[in-house]
Amino acid sequence: MIKTIFKPCIAFVIFLTLPTLAQVPVTANPDHKAMLASKDPKLATNKKLVYDFWREVFEAGHTELAAKYMTENYIQHNPNVATDREAFIASVTKFKKNQNIADKISKPLVSITAEGDLVILTFVSEVKDPDDATKTYTTTWFDMFRVENGKIAEHWDNMLKL
């Protein structure tokens, strides 16, 4: 008797909690200046280096500026891009041509985090819902960079092999 009553009660409790499990949409932080700030001047410098690299080289396609931001032997952990600065340049020039450099990163930026020699850019990523192609949901995308002697020496992201 208790098992007969207990199972429907558990099912009902789970049903009632489902709305609390719903995803909260990821939102961008419009205050890039505040995200670039740090009490530690080295961390602020590293954040700015990565931020400017992203705006100027990656988003605007100004690969002629890559040497200003990247070590020659830059290490790439994205499985679709070969390692070293020249390979990165070749990859970017396939899909970006020199565009105007924006004052701010244009992709929806959530946060800039720096610790030691690492800087992480976190972005809003909007993805099609696999259960309903007419809907989308938001999640996060991360790009992490290691800074060495004032230049970007290494990069990680969550890209899958294409």
C-alpha atoms as a PDB file:
ATOM      1  CA  MET A   1       0.000   0.000   0.000  1.00  0.00           C
ATOM      2  CA  ILE A   2       2.750   2.467   0.927  1.00  0.00           C
ATOM      3  CA  LYS A   3       4.627   1.691  -2.321  1.00  0.00           C
ATOM      4  CA  THR A   4       1.437   2.346  -4.298  1.00  0.00           C
ATOM      5  CA  ILE A   5       1.030   5.782  -2.709  1.00  0.00           C
ATOM      6  CA  PHE A   6       4.758   6.588  -2.549  1.00  0.00           C
ATOM      7  CA  LYS A   7       5.487   6.265  -6.310  1.00  0.00           C
ATOM      8  CA  PRO A   8       2.777   8.715  -7.466  1.00  0.00           C
ATOM      9  CA  CYS A   9       3.839  11.165  -4.738  1.00  0.00           C
ATOM     10  CA  ILE A  10       7.455  11.070  -5.908  1.00  0.00           C
ATOM     11  CA  ALA A  11       6.348  11.557  -9.521  1.00  0.00           C
ATOM     12  CA  PHE A  12       4.206  14.532  -8.492  1.00  0.00           C
ATOM     13  CA  VAL A  13       7.056  16.155  -6.525  1.00  0.00           C
ATOM     14  CA  ILE A  14       9.423  15.731  -9.478  1.00  0.00           C
ATOM     15  CA  PHE A  15       6.810  17.259 -11.790  1.00  0.00           C
ATOM     16  CA  LEU A  16       6.407  20.264  -9.491  1.00  0.00           C
ATOM     17  CA  THR A  17      10.162  20.904  -9.413  1.00  0.00           C
ATOM     18  CA  LEU A  18      10.637  20.816 -13.197  1.00  0.00           C
ATOM     19  CA  PRO A  19      10.125  24.579 -13.658  1.00  0.00           C
ATOM     20  CA  THR A  20      12.945  25.192 -11.180  1.00  0.00           C
ATOM     21  CA  LEU A  21      15.250  23.159 -13.415  1.00  0.00           C
ATOM     22  CA  ALA A  22      14.603  25.419 -16.426  1.00  0.00           C
ATOM     23  CA  GLN A  23      17.586  27.215 -17.868  1.00  0.00           C
ATOM     24  CA  VAL A  24      18.179  30.862 -17.118  1.00  0.00           C
ATOM     25  CA  PRO A  25      19.228  32.545 -20.386  1.00  0.00           C
ATOM     26  CA  VAL A  26      22.851  33.662 -20.612  1.00  0.00           C
ATOM     27  CA  THR A  27      23.115  37.428 -21.062  1.00  0.00           C
ATOM     28  CA  ALA A  28      25.938  39.658 -22.214  1.00  0.00           C
ATOM     29  CA  ASN A  29      27.563  42.279 -20.019  1.00  0.00           C
ATOM     30  CA  PRO A  30      27.565  45.618 -21.894  1.00  0.00           C
ATOM     31  CA  ASP A  31      30.180  47.199 -19.573  1.00  0.00           C
ATOM     32  CA  HIS A  32      33.394  46.037 -21.222  1.00  0.00           C
ATOM     33  CA  LYS A  33      35.437  48.735 -19.477  1.00  0.00           C
ATOM     34  CA  ALA A  34      34.494  47.344 -16.069  1.00  0.00           C
ATOM     35  CA  MET A  35      35.331  43.796 -17.180  1.00  0.00           C
ATOM     36  CA  LEU A  36      38.801  44.951 -18.278  1.00  0.00           C
ATOM     37  CA  ALA A  37      39.557  46.469 -14.879  1.00  0.00           C
ATOM     38  CA  SER A  38      41.626  44.697 -12.235  1.00  0.00           C
ATOM     39  CA  LYS A  39      43.331  45.725  -9.007  1.00  0.00           C
ATOM     40  CA  ASP A  40      46.382  43.844 -10.298  1.00  0.00           C
ATOM     41  CA  PRO A  41      48.001  45.887 -13.120  1.00  0.00           C
ATOM     42  CA  LYS A  42      49.472  42.759 -14.750  1.00  0.00           C
ATOM     43  CA  LEU A  43      46.053  41.094 -14.925  1.00  0.00           C
ATOM     44  CA  ALA A  44      44.519  44.278 -16.363  1.00  0.00           C
ATOM     45  CA  THR A  45      47.301  44.395 -18.991  1.00  0.00           C
ATOM     46  CA  ASN A  46      46.747  40.735 -19.911  1.00  0.00           C
ATOM     47  CA  LYS A  47      42.982  41.271 -20.185  1.00  0.00           C
ATOM     48  CA  LYS A  48      43.478  44.273 -22.457  1.00  0.00           C
ATOM     49  CA  LEU A  49      45.975  42.378 -24.640  1.00  0.00           C
ATOM     50  CA  VAL A  50      43.525  39.522 -25.229  1.00  0.00           C
ATOM     51  CA  TYR A  51      40.577  41.896 -25.645  1.00  0.00           C
ATOM     52  CA  ASP A  52      42.370  43.995 -28.269  1.00  0.00           C
ATOM     53  CA  PHE A  53      43.648  40.889 -30.067  1.00  0.00           C
ATOM     54  CA  TRP A  54      40.098  39.579 -30.269  1.00  0.00           C
ATOM     55  CA  ARG A  55      38.721  42.894 -31.611  1.00  0.00           C
ATOM     56  CA  GLU A  56      41.499  43.741 -34.035  1.00  0.00           C
ATOM     57  CA  VAL A  57      42.812  40.418 -35.310  1.00  0.00           C
ATOM     58  CA  PHE A  58      40.056  37.865 -34.794  1.00  0.00           C
ATOM     59  CA  GLU A  59      36.875  39.906 -35.293  1.00  0.00           C
ATOM     60  CA  ALA A  60      38.132  42.572 -37.714  1.00  0.00           C
ATOM     61  CA  GLY A  61      40.506  40.241 -39.582  1.00  0.00           C
ATOM     62  CA  HIS A  62      43.577  42.496 -39.345  1.00  0.00           C
ATOM     63  CA  THR A  63      46.053  39.633 -39.455  1.00  0.00           C
ATOM     64  CA  GLU A  64      48.867  42.094 -40.171  1.00  0.00           C
ATOM     65  CA  LEU A  65      48.600  42.922 -36.445  1.00  0.00           C
ATOM     66  CA  ALA A  66      49.011  39.302 -35.302  1.00  0.00           C
ATOM     67  CA  ALA A  67      52.729  39.679 -34.509  1.00  0.00           C
ATOM     68  CA  LYS A  68      51.850  42.531 -32.131  1.00  0.00           C
ATOM     69  CA  TYR A  69      49.702  40.145 -30.070  1.00  0.00           C
ATOM     70  CA  MET A  70      50.921  36.583 -30.637  1.00  0.00           C
ATOM     71  CA  THR A  71      54.162  34.696 -30.144  1.00  0.00           C
ATOM     72  CA  GLU A  72      55.609  33.183 -33.307  1.00  0.00           C
ATOM     73  CA  ASN A  73      55.319  29.666 -31.859  1.00  0.00           C
ATOM     74  CA  TYR A  74      51.745  30.202 -30.637  1.00  0.00           C
ATOM     75  CA  ILE A  75      50.164  26.916 -29.499  1.00  0.00           C
ATOM     76  CA  GLN A  76      46.650  26.171 -30.714  1.00  0.00           C
ATOM     77  CA  HIS A  77      44.389  23.608 -29.022  1.00  0.00           C
ATOM     78  CA  ASN A  78      41.433  24.086 -31.378  1.00  0.00           C
ATOM     79  CA  PRO A  79      41.369  20.847 -33.446  1.00  0.00           C
ATOM     80  CA  ASN A  80      40.517  22.765 -36.641  1.00  0.00           C
ATOM     81  CA  VAL A  81      43.457  25.197 -36.610  1.00  0.00           C
ATOM     82  CA  ALA A  82      47.129  24.287 -36.887  1.00  0.00           C
ATOM     83  CA  THR A  83      49.639  25.487 -34.311  1.00  0.00           C
ATOM     84  CA  ASP A  84      51.841  28.598 -34.762  1.00  0.00           C
ATOM     85  CA  ARG A  85      51.096  32.216 -35.620  1.00  0.00           C
ATOM     86  CA  GLU A  86      51.325  31.766 -39.401  1.00  0.00           C
ATOM     87  CA  ALA A  87      48.837  28.879 -39.344  1.00  0.00           C
ATOM     88  CA  PHE A  88      46.456  31.030 -37.286  1.00  0.00           C
ATOM     89  CA  ILE A  89      46.803  33.873 -39.800  1.00  0.00           C
ATOM     90  CA  ALA A  90      46.099  31.492 -42.690  1.00  0.00           C
ATOM     91  CA  SER A  91      42.999  30.216 -40.910  1.00  0.00           C
ATOM     92  CA  VAL A  92      41.615  33.673 -40.124  1.00  0.00           C
ATOM     93  CA  THR A  93      42.202  35.016 -43.648  1.00  0.00           C
ATOM     94  CA  LYS A  94      39.957  32.249 -45.028  1.00  0.00           C
ATOM     95  CA  PHE A  95      36.878  33.720 -43.353  1.00  0.00           C
ATOM     96  CA  LYS A  96      37.770  37.313 -42.393  1.00  0.00           C
ATOM     97  CA  LYS A  97      38.882  40.201 -44.523  1.00  0.00           C
ATOM     98  CA  ASN A  98      40.031  43.490 -43.051  1.00  0.00           C
ATOM     99  CA  GLN A  99      37.000  45.189 -41.577  1.00  0.00           C
ATOM    100  CA  ASN A 100      36.683  48.274 -39.436  1.00  0.00           C
ATOM    101  CA  ILE A 101      38.004  47.678 -35.927  1.00  0.00           C
ATOM    102  CA  ALA A 102      35.203  48.193 -33.419  1.00  0.00           C
ATOM    103  CA  ASP A 103      35.728  49.949 -30.090  1.00  0.00           C
ATOM    104  CA  LYS A 104      34.248  46.938 -28.312  1.00  0.00           C
ATOM    105  CA  ILE A 105      34.161  43.207 -28.952  1.00  0.00           C
ATOM    106  CA  SER A 106      31.041  42.686 -31.026  1.00  0.00           C
ATOM    107  CA  LYS A 107      30.262  39.104 -29.985  1.00  0.00           C
ATOM    108  CA  PRO A 108      28.058  39.109 -26.837  1.00  0.00           C
ATOM    109  CA  LEU A 109      30.628  39.050 -24.030  1.00  0.00           C
ATOM    110  CA  VAL A 110      29.653  37.760 -20.581  1.00  0.00           C
ATOM    111  CA  SER A 111      32.936  38.104 -18.702  1.00  0.00           C
ATOM    112  CA  ILE A 112      36.705  38.501 -18.873  1.00  0.00           C
ATOM    113  CA  THR A 113      38.545  36.556 -16.214  1.00  0.00           C
ATOM    114  CA  ALA A 114      42.285  36.679 -15.553  1.00  0.00           C
ATOM    115  CA  GLU A 115      44.353  34.613 -13.169  1.00  0.00           C
ATOM    116  CA  GLY A 116      48.131  34.346 -13.368  1.00  0.00           C
ATOM    117  CA  ASP A 117      49.045  34.159 -17.056  1.00  0.00           C
ATOM    118  CA  LEU A 118      45.587  33.008 -18.206  1.00  0.00           C
ATOM    119  CA  VAL A 119      42.747  35.123 -19.587  1.00  0.00           C
ATOM    120  CA  ILE A 120      39.292  33.710 -20.331  1.00  0.00           C
ATOM    121  CA  LEU A 121      36.705  35.387 -22.538  1.00  0.00           C
ATOM    122  CA  THR A 122      33.206  34.015 -21.942  1.00  0.00           C
ATOM    123  CA  PHE A 123      30.559  34.630 -24.597  1.00  0.00           C
ATOM    124  CA  VAL A 124      26.846  34.071 -25.060  1.00  0.00           C
ATOM    125  CA  SER A 125      26.277  31.302 -27.561  1.00  0.00           C
ATOM    126  CA  GLU A 126      22.826  30.851 -29.091  1.00  0.00           C
ATOM    127  CA  VAL A 127      22.174  27.299 -30.279  1.00  0.00           C
ATOM    128  CA  LYS A 128      19.285  25.558 -32.058  1.00  0.00           C
ATOM    129  CA  ASP A 129      17.287  23.332 -29.757  1.00  0.00           C
ATOM    130  CA  PRO A 130      17.862  19.697 -30.850  1.00  0.00           C
ATOM    131  CA  ASP A 131      14.312  18.833 -29.737  1.00  0.00           C
ATOM    132  CA  ASP A 132      12.641  21.645 -31.677  1.00  0.00           C
ATOM    133  CA  ALA A 133      14.422  23.263 -34.651  1.00  0.00           C
ATOM    134  CA  THR A 134      12.137  26.299 -34.410  1.00  0.00           C
ATOM    135  CA  LYS A 135      13.588  27.179 -31.000  1.00  0.00           C
ATOM    136  CA  THR A 136      16.959  28.254 -29.689  1.00  0.00           C
ATOM    137  CA  TYR A 137      18.563  28.405 -26.286  1.00  0.00           C
ATOM    138  CA  THR A 138      21.618  30.148 -24.893  1.00  0.00           C
ATOM    139  CA  THR A 139      24.715  28.653 -23.389  1.00  0.00           C
ATOM    140  CA  THR A 140      28.292  29.846 -22.962  1.00  0.00           C
ATOM    141  CA  TRP A 141      31.385  29.673 -25.124  1.00  0.00           C
ATOM    142  CA  PHE A 142      34.865  30.003 -23.676  1.00  0.00           C
ATOM    143  CA  ASP A 143      38.169  31.057 -25.204  1.00  0.00           C
ATOM    144  CA  MET A 144      41.173  30.844 -22.894  1.00  0.00           C
ATOM    145  CA  PHE A 145      44.565  32.334 -23.642  1.00  0.00           C
ATOM    146  CA  ARG A 146      47.958  32.033 -21.973  1.00  0.00           C
ATOM    147  CA  VAL A 147      50.061  35.191 -22.020  1.00  0.00           C
ATOM    148  CA  GLU A 148      53.851  34.939 -22.064  1.00  0.00           C
ATOM    149  CA  ASN A 149      56.146  37.978 -22.065  1.00  0.00           C
ATOM    150  CA  GLY A 150      53.341  40.314 -23.141  1.00  0.00           C
ATOM    151  CA  LYS A 151      52.031  38.192 -26.029  1.00  0.00           C
ATOM    152  CA  ILE A 152      49.482  35.444 -26.486  1.00  0.00           C
ATOM    153  CA  ALA A 153      51.326  32.126 -26.463  1.00  0.00           C
ATOM    154  CA  GLU A 154      48.525  29.566 -26.261  1.00  0.00           C
ATOM    155  CA  HIS A 155      44.785  29.189 -26.879  1.00  0.00           C
ATOM    156  CA  TRP A 156      42.019  26.780 -25.798  1.00  0.00           C
ATOM    157  CA  ASP A 157      38.315  26.703 -26.642  1.00  0.00           C
ATOM    158  CA  ASN A 158      35.503  24.188 -26.640  1.00  0.00           C
ATOM    159  CA  MET A 159      35.448  23.694 -30.423  1.00  0.00           C
ATOM    160  CA  LEU A 160      34.806  20.199 -31.716  1.00  0.00           C
ATOM    161  CA  LYS A 161      36.525  18.792 -34.769  1.00  0.00           C
ATOM    162  CA  LEU A 162      34.644  19.712 -37.942  1.00  0.00           C
END
